[in-house]
Amino acid sequence: MTTPISSGTNSGGGHLTVSGVVKAFGEQTVLRDVSLTVRPGSTTAIVGPSGAGKTTLLRVIAGFERPGGGVVDLDGTVLAGDGRWVPPHQRAIGYVAQDGALFPHLSVGQNIAFGMESASGRAGKAQTRARVDELLEMVSLDPSLARRGPHEISGGQQQRVALARALAREPQLLLLDESFSSLDAGLRVATRRAVAAVLERAGVTTILVTHDQGEALSFADQVAVIRDGSLTQVSAPMTVYQQPADLGTAEFLGEAVVLDAWVEGTVARSAFGDLSVRADSPQGRVRLMLRPEQVRVVDDGPISATVVSTEFYGPEVIVRFRLEPDVVAGAGNGHTAAADFTVRHWEPAGVRVGAQLKLRVFGDGVAYPSAQA
């Protein structure tokens, strides 16, 4: 049987449902009642700190690990659970490891063709070569690279060859396990953008596992945050960042300014003055979270703060402030902020250690029950 030449890879499937999955290694429980739905053609990033269980979840989906409970279903077919078990090679799932895992003794073209079903004879070989060339072009690589060995191409090119090899089997679901983390920072961004463009064109349902918050937010349609073996939030990237489900998720997904406050209705009274919060916010004593970009240096700001330190990053400077005793006109409500807090500022001139500047908060804060502190 010859693998058909096609401009796309996905045939409309790729709907993944993970329900109540549990996984333990000995007495250590790594996954705790994990449930996740991934829509066909979408991209989901599973993000969490080291040891949170994200790679284990990916391996359970791939079939490299058997869950201790729960169900994994792809397009209505149970892959694990309910008394069924489908081995990895029989699942319509592609897998790209962190280092690409190319076979060093095979050429780039042979790596991509590995696992492709092809007819024997001259015609079959010609069609396989054509398919390899098509896949190389799909991942923005020159077909002439097919004759080279993996050691003769760059790390970013190796990752794209690994992607082409995974796509060669026309999977319904593609799993990327920290696939960009071994690359240099600039190359990682460029490779991630190239891969994202390829997957969007191919329409392949994709799950990326990463510990890089920025990578998760920029790469995916849906972000699943995992901590201590449980999913704490599954939402669109903007929702996860701007409205984190809990304080732990908020602080993991980026820098946060956190202060004590008292909420009545949609107003939070704090050391930063009266700030607005959502109508469904907890009432009474809370911990209030702001993103650093919400706190800006302005000439007429009501908040006085002293510059403690600065870090210059070219287009922006990261400024660490300390609040003055009378930080807000009319304050005296007894609420306190963190001793220091960090904001991003886009005009380095005039920002020096010891300077007292005026600040203003823009946008809503996010309130969490004090118990979450």
Protein backbone atom coordinates (compact mmCIF):
# COMPACT_ATOMS: atom_id res chain seq x y z
CA MET A 1 0.00 0.00 0.00
CA THR A 2 1.33 3.42 -0.93
CA THR A 3 0.91 6.42 1.30
CA PRO A 4 -1.07 8.95 -0.74
CA ILE A 5 0.37 12.33 -1.60
CA SER A 6 -1.82 15.03 -0.08
CA SER A 7 -1.50 18.70 0.69
CA GLY A 8 -2.99 18.23 4.14
CA THR A 9 -2.57 15.72 6.91
CA ASN A 10 -5.73 15.68 8.96
CA SER A 11 -8.95 14.07 7.79
CA GLY A 12 -11.25 15.86 10.20
CA GLY A 13 -10.68 13.75 13.32
CA GLY A 14 -8.61 14.33 16.41
CA HIS A 15 -11.26 14.82 19.10
CA LEU A 16 -9.57 13.73 22.34
CA THR A 17 -11.36 13.12 25.62
CA VAL A 18 -9.47 12.28 28.79
CA SER A 19 -11.82 11.41 31.67
CA GLY A 20 -10.83 10.87 35.30
CA VAL A 21 -7.34 9.57 34.53
CA VAL A 22 -5.26 8.41 37.49
CA LYS A 23 -1.65 7.28 37.35
CA ALA A 24 0.69 6.20 40.14
CA PHE A 25 4.23 4.87 40.25
CA GLY A 26 4.38 2.69 43.32
CA GLU A 27 2.99 4.70 46.21
CA GLN A 28 3.46 8.04 44.43
CA THR A 29 0.34 9.32 42.69
CA VAL A 30 1.36 11.42 39.69
CA LEU A 31 -2.02 12.09 38.04
CA ARG A 32 -5.15 12.70 40.09
CA ASP A 33 -8.54 12.48 38.37
CA VAL A 34 -7.39 14.38 35.26
CA SER A 35 -10.06 15.27 32.69
CA LEU A 36 -9.36 17.17 29.48
CA THR A 37 -11.14 17.71 26.16
CA VAL A 38 -9.26 18.74 23.01
CA ARG A 39 -11.26 19.85 19.97
CA PRO A 40 -10.38 18.63 16.46
CA GLY A 41 -7.85 20.84 14.72
CA SER A 42 -7.04 22.84 17.87
CA THR A 43 -3.78 23.30 19.77
CA THR A 44 -3.60 22.70 23.52
CA ALA A 45 -0.63 23.46 25.76
CA ILE A 46 -0.24 21.56 29.02
CA VAL A 47 1.93 23.74 31.23
CA GLY A 48 3.22 23.20 34.72
CA PRO A 49 6.36 23.08 36.86
CA SER A 50 8.75 20.14 36.85
CA GLY A 51 7.23 17.09 38.49
CA ALA A 52 3.65 18.32 38.05
CA GLY A 53 2.67 15.31 35.89
CA LYS A 54 2.46 16.93 32.45
CA THR A 55 4.80 14.51 30.64
CA THR A 56 3.16 11.54 32.36
CA LEU A 57 -0.21 12.71 31.06
CA LEU A 58 1.22 12.96 27.55
CA ARG A 59 2.68 9.44 27.80
CA VAL A 60 -0.66 8.08 28.97
CA ILE A 61 -2.34 9.63 25.93
CA ALA A 62 0.37 8.25 23.64
CA GLY A 63 0.06 4.78 25.14
CA PHE A 64 3.55 4.63 26.64
CA GLU A 65 2.02 4.37 30.12
CA ARG A 66 -1.13 2.55 31.26
CA PRO A 67 -3.41 4.64 33.48
CA GLY A 68 -4.49 3.23 36.83
CA GLY A 69 -8.00 4.50 36.19
CA GLY A 70 -10.04 6.65 33.86
CA VAL A 71 -10.58 6.64 30.10
CA VAL A 72 -8.67 7.99 27.08
CA ASP A 73 -10.87 8.31 23.98
CA LEU A 74 -9.88 9.49 20.50
CA ASP A 75 -12.64 10.11 17.96
CA GLY A 76 -15.04 7.79 19.79
CA THR A 77 -12.55 4.93 20.12
CA VAL A 78 -11.48 4.02 23.64
CA LEU A 79 -7.69 3.76 23.70
CA ALA A 80 -7.36 3.05 27.42
CA GLY A 81 -9.89 2.25 30.10
CA ASP A 82 -13.20 0.37 30.29
CA GLY A 83 -11.27 -2.88 29.90
CA ARG A 84 -9.62 -1.79 26.62
CA TRP A 85 -6.00 -1.11 25.78
CA VAL A 86 -4.70 -0.05 22.37
CA PRO A 87 -0.88 -0.24 22.04
CA PRO A 88 0.98 2.92 20.95
CA HIS A 89 1.74 1.79 17.38
CA GLN A 90 -1.95 1.16 16.73
CA ARG A 91 -3.06 4.61 17.85
CA ALA A 92 -3.40 7.36 15.24
CA ILE A 93 -1.08 9.51 17.32
CA GLY A 94 2.23 11.15 16.39
CA TYR A 95 4.86 11.88 19.02
CA VAL A 96 7.79 14.32 18.88
CA ALA A 97 10.25 14.00 21.75
CA GLN A 98 12.28 16.80 23.33
CA ASP A 99 15.44 16.03 21.35
CA GLY A 100 13.66 14.94 18.16
CA ALA A 101 14.98 11.37 18.58
CA LEU A 102 16.07 11.05 14.95
CA PHE A 103 17.84 7.85 13.96
CA PRO A 104 21.52 8.83 13.58
CA HIS A 105 22.31 6.03 11.10
CA LEU A 106 19.53 7.09 8.69
CA SER A 107 19.47 10.10 6.40
CA VAL A 108 16.92 12.88 6.85
CA GLY A 109 14.80 11.39 4.07
CA GLN A 110 15.02 7.88 5.52
CA ASN A 111 14.02 9.22 8.94
CA ILE A 112 10.91 10.82 7.48
CA ALA A 113 10.04 7.73 5.43
CA PHE A 114 10.46 5.44 8.44
CA GLY A 115 7.11 3.90 9.24
CA MET A 116 5.49 4.99 5.98
CA GLU A 117 3.84 2.15 4.12
CA SER A 118 5.07 2.10 0.53
CA ALA A 119 4.82 -0.22 -2.43
CA SER A 120 7.93 -2.01 -3.68
CA GLY A 121 9.50 -1.31 -7.04
CA ARG A 122 10.59 1.84 -8.81
CA ALA A 123 7.14 3.49 -8.80
CA GLY A 124 6.67 2.92 -5.07
CA LYS A 125 10.10 4.34 -4.24
CA ALA A 126 9.46 7.36 -6.44
CA GLN A 127 6.18 8.05 -4.65
CA THR A 128 7.86 7.72 -1.26
CA ARG A 129 10.55 10.22 -2.32
CA ALA A 130 7.85 12.59 -3.53
CA ARG A 131 6.04 12.30 -0.20
CA VAL A 132 9.29 12.97 1.70
CA ASP A 133 9.95 16.06 -0.45
CA GLU A 134 6.38 17.26 0.18
CA LEU A 135 6.76 16.86 3.93
CA LEU A 136 10.10 18.69 3.93
CA GLU A 137 8.50 21.58 2.09
CA MET A 138 5.56 21.46 4.52
CA VAL A 139 7.94 22.09 7.44
CA SER A 140 9.80 24.81 5.45
CA LEU A 141 12.92 22.77 4.69
CA ASP A 142 14.61 22.34 1.33
CA PRO A 143 14.06 18.84 -0.15
CA SER A 144 17.81 18.67 -0.84
CA LEU A 145 18.30 18.08 2.91
CA ALA A 146 16.83 14.60 2.47
CA ARG A 147 20.27 13.22 1.60
CA ARG A 148 22.00 14.65 4.67
CA GLY A 149 22.49 12.97 8.01
CA PRO A 150 20.87 14.35 11.18
CA HIS A 151 24.31 15.49 12.43
CA GLU A 152 24.69 17.67 9.33
CA ILE A 153 21.71 19.94 10.07
CA SER A 154 20.97 22.42 12.87
CA GLY A 155 18.95 21.74 16.02
CA GLY A 156 15.98 23.68 14.71
CA GLN A 157 16.09 21.75 11.45
CA GLN A 158 16.25 18.48 13.35
CA GLN A 159 13.09 19.37 15.25
CA ARG A 160 11.28 20.12 12.01
CA VAL A 161 12.47 16.82 10.52
CA ALA A 162 11.10 15.06 13.60
CA LEU A 163 7.81 16.88 13.02
CA ALA A 164 7.78 15.82 9.36
CA ARG A 165 8.41 12.21 10.40
CA ALA A 166 5.46 12.36 12.81
CA LEU A 167 3.21 13.92 10.16
CA ALA A 168 4.20 11.27 7.59
CA ARG A 169 1.86 8.78 9.27
CA GLU A 170 -1.03 11.26 8.98
CA PRO A 171 -1.90 11.17 12.69
CA GLN A 172 -5.24 12.32 14.07
CA LEU A 173 -3.40 13.71 17.11
CA LEU A 174 0.15 15.06 17.46
CA LEU A 175 1.95 15.18 20.82
CA LEU A 176 4.92 17.52 21.36
CA ASP A 177 6.91 16.73 24.52
CA GLU A 178 8.97 19.82 25.44
CA SER A 179 9.92 19.84 21.76
CA PHE A 180 11.54 23.29 21.77
CA SER A 181 13.21 23.39 25.19
CA SER A 182 16.62 22.11 24.04
CA LEU A 183 17.02 24.93 21.48
CA ASP A 184 18.68 28.30 22.03
CA ALA A 185 16.26 31.10 22.92
CA GLY A 186 16.15 32.79 19.50
CA LEU A 187 16.04 29.49 17.63
CA ARG A 188 13.33 28.20 19.97
CA VAL A 189 11.04 31.12 19.11
CA ALA A 190 11.68 30.82 15.36
CA THR A 191 11.18 27.03 15.36
CA ARG A 192 8.03 27.29 17.46
CA ARG A 193 6.52 29.82 15.05
CA ALA A 194 7.41 27.67 12.05
CA VAL A 195 5.93 24.54 13.65
CA ALA A 196 2.77 26.41 14.69
CA ALA A 197 2.29 27.60 11.11
CA VAL A 198 2.75 24.07 9.75
CA LEU A 199 0.26 22.58 12.19
CA GLU A 200 -2.31 25.29 11.44
CA ARG A 201 -2.04 24.62 7.70
CA ALA A 202 -2.22 20.85 8.22
CA GLY A 203 -5.16 21.11 10.64
CA VAL A 204 -3.68 18.52 12.98
CA THR A 205 -4.98 18.40 16.56
CA THR A 206 -1.92 19.09 18.71
CA ILE A 207 -0.95 18.91 22.38
CA LEU A 208 2.25 20.59 23.55
CA VAL A 209 3.76 19.87 26.95
CA THR A 210 5.95 22.70 28.26
CA HIS A 211 7.17 24.34 31.45
CA ASP A 212 7.56 27.67 29.62
CA GLN A 213 4.57 29.90 30.39
CA GLY A 214 5.21 32.26 27.48
CA GLU A 215 5.48 29.35 25.09
CA ALA A 216 2.17 27.92 26.27
CA LEU A 217 0.34 31.25 26.01
CA SER A 218 1.68 32.08 22.54
CA PHE A 219 1.43 28.63 20.95
CA ALA A 220 -1.96 27.27 21.94
CA ASP A 221 -5.68 27.86 21.47
CA GLN A 222 -6.26 26.28 24.88
CA VAL A 223 -4.00 26.20 27.94
CA ALA A 224 -4.26 23.50 30.60
CA VAL A 225 -2.40 24.31 33.82
CA ILE A 226 -1.31 21.28 35.83
CA ARG A 227 -0.04 21.37 39.40
CA ASP A 228 0.59 18.44 41.74
CA GLY A 229 -1.02 16.02 39.29
CA SER A 230 -4.29 17.95 38.90
CA LEU A 231 -5.51 20.39 36.27
CA THR A 232 -6.18 23.70 38.02
CA GLN A 233 -7.55 25.52 34.97
CA VAL A 234 -8.29 24.82 31.30
CA SER A 235 -9.14 27.97 29.34
CA ALA A 236 -8.16 30.20 26.45
CA PRO A 237 -4.67 31.71 26.88
CA MET A 238 -5.95 35.23 27.58
CA THR A 239 -8.44 33.96 30.18
CA VAL A 240 -5.82 31.86 31.97
CA TYR A 241 -3.46 34.84 32.16
CA GLN A 242 -5.95 37.59 32.99
CA GLN A 243 -8.39 35.57 35.13
CA PRO A 244 -6.41 32.73 36.77
CA ALA A 245 -8.53 30.26 38.71
CA ASP A 246 -6.44 30.55 41.88
CA LEU A 247 -3.48 32.44 43.25
CA GLY A 248 -1.06 29.57 42.63
CA THR A 249 -1.99 29.50 38.95
CA ALA A 250 -1.70 33.30 38.77
CA GLU A 251 1.81 33.31 40.19
CA PHE A 252 2.96 30.40 38.02
CA LEU A 253 1.77 31.96 34.76
CA GLY A 254 3.73 35.17 35.17
CA GLU A 255 4.82 37.86 37.57
CA ALA A 256 2.10 39.17 39.82
CA VAL A 257 1.62 42.06 42.21
CA VAL A 258 -0.30 40.64 45.18
CA LEU A 259 -1.67 42.72 48.04
CA ASP A 260 -4.24 42.57 50.82
CA ALA A 261 -7.60 44.18 50.10
CA TRP A 262 -11.20 44.39 51.26
CA VAL A 263 -13.89 43.82 48.63
CA GLU A 264 -17.40 45.22 48.76
CA GLY A 265 -19.40 44.65 45.61
CA THR A 266 -17.10 45.42 42.69
CA VAL A 267 -14.67 47.66 44.60
CA ALA A 268 -11.48 46.47 46.29
CA ARG A 269 -10.01 48.85 48.86
CA SER A 270 -6.25 48.41 49.13
CA ALA A 271 -2.96 50.20 49.64
CA PHE A 272 -3.24 51.10 45.94
CA GLY A 273 -6.56 52.83 46.53
CA ASP A 274 -9.97 51.70 45.33
CA LEU A 275 -9.67 49.27 42.42
CA SER A 276 -12.38 47.57 40.41
CA VAL A 277 -12.95 43.81 40.45
CA ARG A 278 -15.44 41.46 38.77
CA ALA A 279 -18.99 41.22 40.12
CA ASP A 280 -18.51 37.54 41.04
CA SER A 281 -15.42 38.25 43.19
CA PRO A 282 -15.26 36.97 46.80
CA GLN A 283 -16.31 39.55 49.34
CA GLY A 284 -14.55 40.76 52.46
CA ARG A 285 -10.86 40.22 53.08
CA VAL A 286 -9.07 38.99 49.96
CA ARG A 287 -5.73 38.76 48.24
CA LEU A 288 -5.79 41.01 45.19
CA MET A 289 -3.72 40.16 42.11
CA LEU A 290 -2.55 42.58 39.42
CA ARG A 291 -0.27 41.90 36.48
CA PRO A 292 2.87 44.10 36.44
CA GLU A 293 1.87 45.75 33.17
CA GLN A 294 -1.26 47.11 34.87
CA VAL A 295 0.80 49.29 37.21
CA ARG A 296 2.25 52.16 35.18
CA VAL A 297 4.45 55.15 35.84
CA VAL A 298 2.48 58.36 35.20
CA ASP A 299 3.05 61.98 36.16
CA ASP A 300 -0.26 62.38 38.00
CA GLY A 301 -0.51 58.93 39.61
CA PRO A 302 -2.03 58.65 43.10
CA ILE A 303 0.51 56.04 44.28
CA SER A 304 3.98 57.05 45.50
CA ALA A 305 6.75 54.46 45.31
CA THR A 306 10.53 54.41 45.47
CA VAL A 307 12.68 52.63 42.89
CA VAL A 308 14.63 49.83 44.58
CA SER A 309 16.29 48.27 41.54
CA THR A 310 16.11 48.20 37.74
CA GLU A 311 16.89 45.67 35.00
CA PHE A 312 17.34 46.99 31.48
CA TYR A 313 15.99 44.84 28.61
CA GLY A 314 16.26 47.18 25.66
CA PRO A 315 12.65 48.14 24.82
CA GLU A 316 11.62 47.95 28.48
CA VAL A 317 13.03 48.19 31.95
CA ILE A 318 11.90 45.98 34.84
CA VAL A 319 11.52 48.24 37.88
CA ARG A 320 11.22 47.00 41.45
CA PHE A 321 9.41 49.49 43.69
CA ARG A 322 8.81 49.91 47.40
CA LEU A 323 5.69 51.71 48.58
CA GLU A 324 6.00 54.91 50.55
CA PRO A 325 4.23 55.05 53.95
CA ASP A 326 1.42 57.28 52.61
CA VAL A 327 1.10 55.59 49.27
CA VAL A 328 -2.37 56.77 48.34
CA ALA A 329 -4.11 60.01 49.08
CA GLY A 330 -6.76 59.34 51.71
CA ALA A 331 -5.31 55.89 52.57
CA GLY A 332 -5.28 54.65 56.14
CA ASN A 333 -7.55 51.66 55.61
CA GLY A 334 -5.06 49.34 57.23
CA HIS A 335 -4.40 47.32 54.09
CA THR A 336 -0.85 46.50 53.12
CA ALA A 337 0.94 45.52 49.93
CA ALA A 338 3.94 43.34 49.40
CA ALA A 339 7.07 45.15 50.62
CA ASP A 340 8.37 45.26 47.05
CA PHE A 341 6.64 44.79 43.72
CA THR A 342 7.79 44.75 40.11
CA VAL A 343 6.39 46.56 37.07
CA ARG A 344 7.42 46.92 33.43
CA HIS A 345 8.25 50.41 32.19
CA TRP A 346 8.95 51.50 28.61
CA GLU A 347 10.86 54.75 29.22
CA PRO A 348 14.17 54.00 30.97
CA ALA A 349 15.16 57.69 31.16
CA GLY A 350 14.61 59.06 34.66
CA VAL A 351 14.14 55.64 36.26
CA ARG A 352 17.03 55.34 38.71
CA VAL A 353 17.47 53.66 42.06
CA GLY A 354 16.22 55.89 44.86
CA ALA A 355 13.88 57.94 42.66
CA GLN A 356 10.33 58.45 43.92
CA LEU A 357 7.79 58.02 41.14
CA LYS A 358 4.03 58.22 40.77
CA LEU A 359 2.05 55.16 39.70
CA ARG A 360 -1.48 54.39 38.59
CA VAL A 361 -3.31 51.06 38.23
CA PHE A 362 -5.16 50.35 34.98
CA GLY A 363 -7.80 47.66 34.54
CA ASP A 364 -9.44 45.29 37.02
CA GLY A 365 -7.78 43.33 39.78
CA VAL A 366 -8.50 39.67 40.46
CA ALA A 367 -9.58 38.83 43.99
CA TYR A 368 -8.96 35.51 45.76
CA PRO A 369 -10.11 34.41 49.23
CA SER A 370 -7.49 35.18 51.86
CA ALA A 371 -7.21 31.46 52.61
CA GLN A 372 -5.46 31.00 49.25
CA ALA A 373 -2.53 33.01 50.57
